[in-house]
Amino acid sequence: MRSESDLGAVMVPGFLDGLSERRLEEVRQMRSECQELEVALSYVRRLAQGRLDIVSAVLAEEELGSLESDEAAIAAGSSIHGDLVGHLSEILGSQQRPSGPGRMSELLAPAEGDPLTAELLAELDAIVGPELIGGVTSLGEDELSAIASQLREFEAKLSSSRKELHDRIDRLQAEIVSRYKSGEAEVDSLLS
């Protein structure tokens, strides 16, 4: 079970110091810890991106509505305001994300009850929780803009932490691979 204090401990500059002197099992454990933290960050980041997509779509329609002369025609048509739930697949499926490092994690979701996930979800919910996202079409343009800005900042913070974790995971993995290549570690140990 990981928390923000665990994330902070992994992010300290000296976390990887003396890596070559550590036992192989310790290096593997460090890698596993980083991977578990990355899964929690990725999970909450995906939720934040989804909420941002919804808020941005409603905001875009608000801005379009203020430019149109016939708002009643927009409201009568296939507007997001009229049917947010009916437009969710369109909203959530239309966003293109930048390509990541192309790695598939062994874990796709954090463990149930994971403290880091709970802490990050509480932070996300403080910006726009499930009860507010369901009624987002009733918010004004200023409120939507403020929420979108906060979500972008939160997502950027998570992305930055994920990048740092990926760097650490890569260094730990490289250390493990180098030990197998040098013969210091035996491949047979993986099979037992």
Foldseek 3Di string as FASTA:
>chain_A
DDAVVLLVCCLPPCNCPPVLVDDLVVLVVNLVSLLLVLLLLVVLLLVLVLLLLLLVQLLVVLVVLVVDPCNVVQCPPPHCLVPVPVCSCVSSVVDDDPDDPPDDRPDNHHDPPHHHNVVLLVVLVVLPNPVRSVVSNPDDNVSSVSSSVVSVVSSVVSVVSSVSSVVSSVVSVVSSVVCPVVVVDDPVVVVD
